[in-house]
N, C-alpha and C. Protein backbone atom coordinates (compact mmCIF):
# COMPACT_ATOMS: atom_id res chain seq x y z
N MET A 1 -29.15 -17.82 -25.05
CA MET A 1 -28.81 -16.55 -26.05
C MET A 1 -27.95 -16.28 -24.83
N VAL A 2 -26.31 -15.82 -26.17
CA VAL A 2 -25.32 -15.18 -25.24
C VAL A 2 -25.28 -14.11 -24.46
N TRP A 3 -24.86 -13.51 -23.20
CA TRP A 3 -24.96 -12.48 -22.94
C TRP A 3 -23.91 -11.51 -23.15
N THR A 4 -23.94 -10.89 -23.86
CA THR A 4 -21.92 -9.61 -24.25
C THR A 4 -21.88 -9.69 -22.70
N GLU A 5 -20.30 -9.05 -22.31
CA GLU A 5 -20.74 -7.75 -21.26
C GLU A 5 -19.50 -6.52 -21.69
N LYS A 6 -19.89 -5.71 -21.45
CA LYS A 6 -19.12 -4.79 -21.92
C LYS A 6 -18.19 -3.90 -20.27
N SER A 7 -17.59 -3.47 -20.89
CA SER A 7 -17.36 -2.69 -19.35
C SER A 7 -17.53 -1.85 -19.76
N ILE A 8 -17.57 -0.26 -18.60
CA ILE A 8 -17.70 0.52 -18.74
C ILE A 8 -17.07 1.72 -19.39
N VAL A 9 -16.16 1.96 -19.47
CA VAL A 9 -15.40 2.55 -19.79
C VAL A 9 -15.44 2.58 -21.33
N SER A 10 -16.04 0.98 -21.88
CA SER A 10 -16.07 0.78 -23.94
C SER A 10 -17.20 1.43 -24.03
N GLN A 11 -18.14 1.05 -22.79
CA GLN A 11 -19.91 1.71 -22.69
C GLN A 11 -19.14 3.04 -23.15
N ARG A 12 -18.44 4.15 -22.59
CA ARG A 12 -18.09 5.40 -22.92
C ARG A 12 -17.91 5.49 -24.03
N GLN A 13 -16.31 4.59 -24.75
CA GLN A 13 -15.99 5.66 -25.65
C GLN A 13 -17.24 5.28 -26.58
N GLU A 14 -17.71 4.11 -26.88
CA GLU A 14 -19.07 3.37 -27.65
C GLU A 14 -19.29 5.05 -28.01
N PHE A 15 -20.50 5.46 -26.69
CA PHE A 15 -20.86 6.61 -26.39
C PHE A 15 -20.22 8.10 -26.93
N VAL A 16 -19.12 8.06 -27.08
CA VAL A 16 -18.10 9.05 -27.40
C VAL A 16 -17.92 9.59 -28.52
N HIS A 17 -17.63 8.21 -29.27
CA HIS A 17 -17.59 7.90 -30.75
C HIS A 17 -18.97 8.35 -31.77
N LEU A 18 -20.20 7.94 -31.06
CA LEU A 18 -21.26 7.63 -31.58
C LEU A 18 -21.72 9.44 -31.38
N ALA A 19 -21.20 10.01 -30.61
CA ALA A 19 -21.68 11.46 -29.95
C ALA A 19 -20.97 12.32 -30.89
N GLN A 20 -19.69 12.11 -31.35
CA GLN A 20 -18.56 12.91 -31.87
C GLN A 20 -18.82 12.87 -33.58
N GLN A 21 -19.88 12.21 -34.03
CA GLN A 21 -20.28 11.74 -35.75
C GLN A 21 -21.13 13.21 -36.00
N ASP A 22 -20.91 13.33 -37.34
CA ASP A 22 -21.54 14.35 -37.69
C ASP A 22 -22.85 14.18 -37.78
N GLY A 23 -24.02 15.06 -36.60
CA GLY A 23 -25.69 15.19 -36.90
C GLY A 23 -25.94 14.17 -36.10
N ALA A 24 -25.13 13.44 -35.01
CA ALA A 24 -25.49 13.04 -33.57
C ALA A 24 -26.40 13.72 -32.56
N ASN A 25 -27.12 13.43 -31.84
CA ASN A 25 -28.52 14.09 -30.85
C ASN A 25 -27.38 13.28 -30.18
N VAL A 26 -27.06 14.20 -28.78
CA VAL A 26 -26.30 14.06 -27.47
C VAL A 26 -27.71 13.68 -26.77
N ARG A 27 -28.56 14.12 -26.50
CA ARG A 27 -29.72 13.95 -25.93
C ARG A 27 -30.27 12.70 -26.10
N ALA A 28 -30.46 12.28 -27.47
CA ALA A 28 -31.08 10.79 -28.07
C ALA A 28 -29.81 9.76 -27.55
N LEU A 29 -28.83 10.12 -27.39
CA LEU A 29 -27.82 9.19 -27.14
C LEU A 29 -27.99 8.69 -25.89
N CYS A 30 -28.23 9.97 -25.06
CA CYS A 30 -28.09 9.98 -23.42
C CYS A 30 -29.18 8.83 -22.97
N ARG A 31 -30.25 9.59 -23.77
CA ARG A 31 -31.54 8.41 -23.80
C ARG A 31 -31.29 7.18 -23.59
N GLN A 32 -30.44 6.72 -24.96
CA GLN A 32 -29.74 5.37 -25.08
C GLN A 32 -29.46 5.04 -24.89
N PHE A 33 -28.65 5.76 -24.02
CA PHE A 33 -27.26 5.17 -22.72
C PHE A 33 -28.11 4.67 -21.45
N GLY A 34 -29.07 5.57 -20.83
CA GLY A 34 -29.55 5.71 -19.84
C GLY A 34 -29.07 6.42 -19.04
N ILE A 35 -27.90 7.47 -19.13
CA ILE A 35 -27.15 8.73 -18.96
C ILE A 35 -28.64 9.98 -18.72
N SER A 36 -27.76 10.86 -17.95
CA SER A 36 -28.47 12.18 -18.34
C SER A 36 -27.47 13.00 -18.82
N PRO A 37 -28.06 13.24 -19.31
CA PRO A 37 -27.05 15.06 -20.68
C PRO A 37 -26.32 15.41 -20.03
N LYS A 38 -25.96 16.01 -18.24
CA LYS A 38 -24.48 16.63 -18.26
C LYS A 38 -23.65 15.73 -17.76
N THR A 39 -24.09 13.77 -18.42
CA THR A 39 -22.94 13.22 -17.71
C THR A 39 -22.77 13.25 -18.98
N GLY A 40 -23.42 12.59 -19.93
CA GLY A 40 -22.89 12.24 -21.06
C GLY A 40 -21.95 14.17 -21.76
N TYR A 41 -22.23 15.00 -21.45
CA TYR A 41 -21.27 16.28 -22.24
C TYR A 41 -20.11 15.44 -20.89
N LYS A 42 -20.04 16.13 -20.02
CA LYS A 42 -19.27 15.72 -19.14
C LYS A 42 -17.88 14.70 -19.54
N TRP A 43 -18.75 13.17 -20.39
CA TRP A 43 -17.61 12.35 -20.71
C TRP A 43 -16.96 12.64 -22.11
N ILE A 44 -17.39 13.37 -23.02
CA ILE A 44 -17.57 13.90 -24.19
C ILE A 44 -16.21 15.08 -24.20
N ASN A 45 -16.58 16.45 -23.27
CA ASN A 45 -15.31 16.71 -22.59
C ASN A 45 -14.45 16.43 -21.62
N ARG A 46 -14.49 15.44 -20.90
CA ARG A 46 -13.15 14.95 -20.49
C ARG A 46 -12.84 14.18 -22.05
N PHE A 47 -13.20 13.14 -22.50
CA PHE A 47 -12.33 12.63 -23.73
C PHE A 47 -11.96 14.08 -24.87
N GLU A 48 -12.20 14.80 -24.63
CA GLU A 48 -11.17 15.45 -25.98
C GLU A 48 -10.87 16.96 -25.38
N ALA A 49 -10.85 16.27 -23.29
CA ALA A 49 -10.03 17.33 -22.87
C ALA A 49 -8.42 16.55 -22.69
N SER A 50 -8.55 15.58 -23.88
CA SER A 50 -7.54 14.43 -23.12
C SER A 50 -6.65 13.49 -24.06
N SER A 51 -5.49 13.73 -24.49
CA SER A 51 -4.96 12.95 -25.65
C SER A 51 -4.83 11.10 -25.18
N ALA A 52 -5.27 10.57 -23.88
CA ALA A 52 -4.94 8.89 -23.97
C ALA A 52 -6.83 8.90 -23.96
N LEU A 53 -7.25 7.93 -24.05
CA LEU A 53 -8.14 6.88 -25.26
C LEU A 53 -8.80 6.59 -23.46
N ALA A 54 -8.52 5.82 -23.26
CA ALA A 54 -9.22 5.12 -21.68
C ALA A 54 -8.80 5.47 -20.50
N PRO A 55 -8.16 6.18 -20.22
CA PRO A 55 -7.85 6.58 -18.81
C PRO A 55 -9.12 8.13 -18.57
N SER A 56 -8.87 8.78 -19.80
CA SER A 56 -9.41 10.06 -19.68
C SER A 56 -11.54 9.59 -18.80
N LEU A 57 -12.16 7.90 -19.58
CA LEU A 57 -13.07 7.83 -19.49
C LEU A 57 -12.87 6.78 -18.83
N ALA A 58 -12.06 6.78 -17.54
CA ALA A 58 -12.34 5.40 -16.71
C ALA A 58 -12.68 7.09 -15.09
N ASP A 59 -13.01 5.96 -14.39
CA ASP A 59 -13.77 6.74 -13.20
C ASP A 59 -12.43 7.26 -12.21
N GLN A 60 -12.95 8.06 -11.99
CA GLN A 60 -12.03 8.99 -10.98
C GLN A 60 -11.94 9.25 -10.26
N SER A 61 -10.87 9.75 -9.46
CA SER A 61 -11.51 9.55 -7.47
C SER A 61 -11.90 10.50 -6.77
N ARG A 62 -12.28 10.70 -6.24
CA ARG A 62 -13.23 12.11 -5.59
C ARG A 62 -12.67 12.69 -4.57
N ARG A 63 -11.33 11.78 -4.08
CA ARG A 63 -10.09 12.92 -3.50
C ARG A 63 -9.91 14.31 -3.45
N PRO A 64 -9.91 15.04 -2.49
CA PRO A 64 -9.70 15.98 -2.96
C PRO A 64 -7.75 16.20 -3.44
N HIS A 65 -7.04 17.04 -3.73
CA HIS A 65 -6.47 16.68 -4.55
C HIS A 65 -4.95 16.84 -3.54
N ARG A 66 -5.18 18.24 -3.07
CA ARG A 66 -4.73 18.60 -1.61
C ARG A 66 -5.64 18.88 -0.24
N SER A 67 -5.46 19.42 1.18
CA SER A 67 -6.34 19.53 1.52
C SER A 67 -5.75 20.27 2.96
N PRO A 68 -6.02 21.97 2.53
CA PRO A 68 -6.13 22.68 2.63
C PRO A 68 -6.38 23.26 4.80
N ALA A 69 -7.46 22.49 5.02
CA ALA A 69 -7.18 22.52 6.43
C ALA A 69 -6.92 21.31 6.89
N ARG A 70 -5.59 21.09 6.72
CA ARG A 70 -4.97 19.73 7.36
C ARG A 70 -4.65 19.94 9.16
N SER A 71 -4.38 19.54 9.71
CA SER A 71 -3.33 19.84 10.65
C SER A 71 -2.01 19.72 10.51
N PRO A 72 -1.32 19.98 11.54
CA PRO A 72 0.14 20.14 11.29
C PRO A 72 0.38 18.39 11.84
N GLU A 73 2.01 17.70 11.39
CA GLU A 73 2.04 16.34 12.01
C GLU A 73 2.15 16.26 12.90
N SER A 74 2.85 17.53 13.95
CA SER A 74 3.01 17.59 15.35
C SER A 74 1.90 17.47 15.65
N THR A 75 0.68 18.36 15.03
CA THR A 75 -0.48 18.42 16.23
C THR A 75 -0.91 16.44 16.04
N GLU A 76 -1.16 16.19 14.84
CA GLU A 76 -1.36 14.94 14.93
C GLU A 76 -1.14 13.95 15.99
N GLN A 77 0.84 14.49 15.66
CA GLN A 77 1.31 13.21 16.66
C GLN A 77 1.07 13.48 18.47
N ALA A 78 0.63 14.97 19.02
CA ALA A 78 0.37 15.04 20.12
C ALA A 78 -0.78 14.52 20.45
N VAL A 79 -2.50 14.58 19.33
CA VAL A 79 -2.95 14.50 19.66
C VAL A 79 -3.79 12.61 20.30
N LEU A 80 -3.06 12.36 19.09
CA LEU A 80 -2.59 10.66 19.10
C LEU A 80 -1.85 10.30 20.84
N THR A 81 -1.07 10.95 20.68
CA THR A 81 -0.46 9.87 22.26
C THR A 81 -1.01 10.88 23.14
N LEU A 82 -1.99 11.73 23.29
CA LEU A 82 -3.18 11.57 24.38
C LEU A 82 -4.08 10.98 24.32
N ARG A 83 -5.00 10.57 22.90
CA ARG A 83 -5.62 9.68 22.83
C ARG A 83 -5.30 8.03 23.45
N ARG A 84 -4.24 7.77 23.19
CA ARG A 84 -3.28 6.64 23.73
C ARG A 84 -3.44 6.56 25.42
N ALA A 85 -2.77 7.57 25.87
CA ALA A 85 -3.08 7.57 27.20
C ALA A 85 -3.97 7.86 27.60
N HIS A 86 -5.46 8.52 26.96
CA HIS A 86 -6.74 8.31 27.70
C HIS A 86 -7.66 8.31 26.88
N PRO A 87 -8.06 7.40 26.21
CA PRO A 87 -8.73 6.37 26.35
C PRO A 87 -10.52 6.86 25.88
N ALA A 88 -10.74 7.43 27.05
CA ALA A 88 -12.62 7.27 27.62
C ALA A 88 -12.12 9.20 27.10
N TRP A 89 -11.52 9.90 27.18
CA TRP A 89 -11.53 11.84 26.73
C TRP A 89 -11.92 11.61 25.46
N GLY A 90 -12.58 12.36 25.55
CA GLY A 90 -13.30 13.49 24.41
C GLY A 90 -12.05 14.36 23.37
N GLY A 91 -12.68 14.79 22.67
CA GLY A 91 -12.33 15.84 21.19
C GLY A 91 -11.76 16.92 22.40
N ARG A 92 -12.83 17.47 22.35
CA ARG A 92 -13.10 18.75 23.61
C ARG A 92 -12.11 18.83 24.55
N LYS A 93 -12.04 17.46 25.17
CA LYS A 93 -11.09 17.59 26.21
C LYS A 93 -9.49 17.32 26.46
N ILE A 94 -8.80 16.57 24.64
CA ILE A 94 -7.94 16.98 24.26
C ILE A 94 -7.46 18.28 23.93
N ALA A 95 -8.63 18.73 23.28
CA ALA A 95 -8.10 19.94 22.92
C ALA A 95 -7.72 21.33 23.85
N ALA A 96 -8.25 20.69 25.22
CA ALA A 96 -8.15 21.89 26.49
C ALA A 96 -6.47 21.47 26.72
N VAL A 97 -6.99 20.54 27.19
CA VAL A 97 -5.78 19.79 27.55
C VAL A 97 -4.23 20.52 26.14
N LEU A 98 -4.14 20.54 25.50
CA LEU A 98 -3.79 21.42 24.08
C LEU A 98 -3.48 22.30 24.51
N ALA A 99 -3.90 23.22 24.43
CA ALA A 99 -4.59 24.05 24.66
C ALA A 99 -3.51 25.25 26.07
N GLN A 100 -3.99 23.79 26.72
CA GLN A 100 -3.35 24.57 28.55
C GLN A 100 -1.81 24.05 28.33
N ARG A 101 -0.91 22.97 27.53
CA ARG A 101 -0.06 23.22 27.51
C ARG A 101 0.92 24.70 26.21
N ASP A 102 -0.05 24.97 25.61
CA ASP A 102 0.61 26.78 24.60
C ASP A 102 1.79 26.28 23.56
N ALA A 103 1.41 24.86 23.38
CA ALA A 103 2.46 24.09 22.37
C ALA A 103 1.46 24.14 21.06
N PHE A 104 0.54 24.06 21.18
CA PHE A 104 -0.23 23.87 19.83
C PHE A 104 -1.54 25.31 20.05
N LEU A 105 -1.84 25.01 18.84
CA LEU A 105 -2.87 26.45 18.61
C LEU A 105 -3.89 25.21 17.33
N VAL A 106 -5.63 25.21 18.44
CA VAL A 106 -6.31 23.79 18.56
C VAL A 106 -7.58 24.71 18.07
């Protein structure tokens, strides 16, 4: 017997196609596909919100779009310079030295 392999995107496309048919029971389809109803509705909503078929159903990065708490580049460079010069120093020591210089707010 030959096994056919399906990509995750094609399985998601099949799920959304079946879920969008008239009279479709989404919860039953979720059980059939082995996913939770929350995940099933997520795929349906993501597909409906997107105009392109495949990219909307592909895995998406969990990385944040922006990092508001990120340190300025100058602070990062100062920390890295101190770390290279004194590899045994920890974060508290480096923060104290930078605070003494009054050049950076740590």
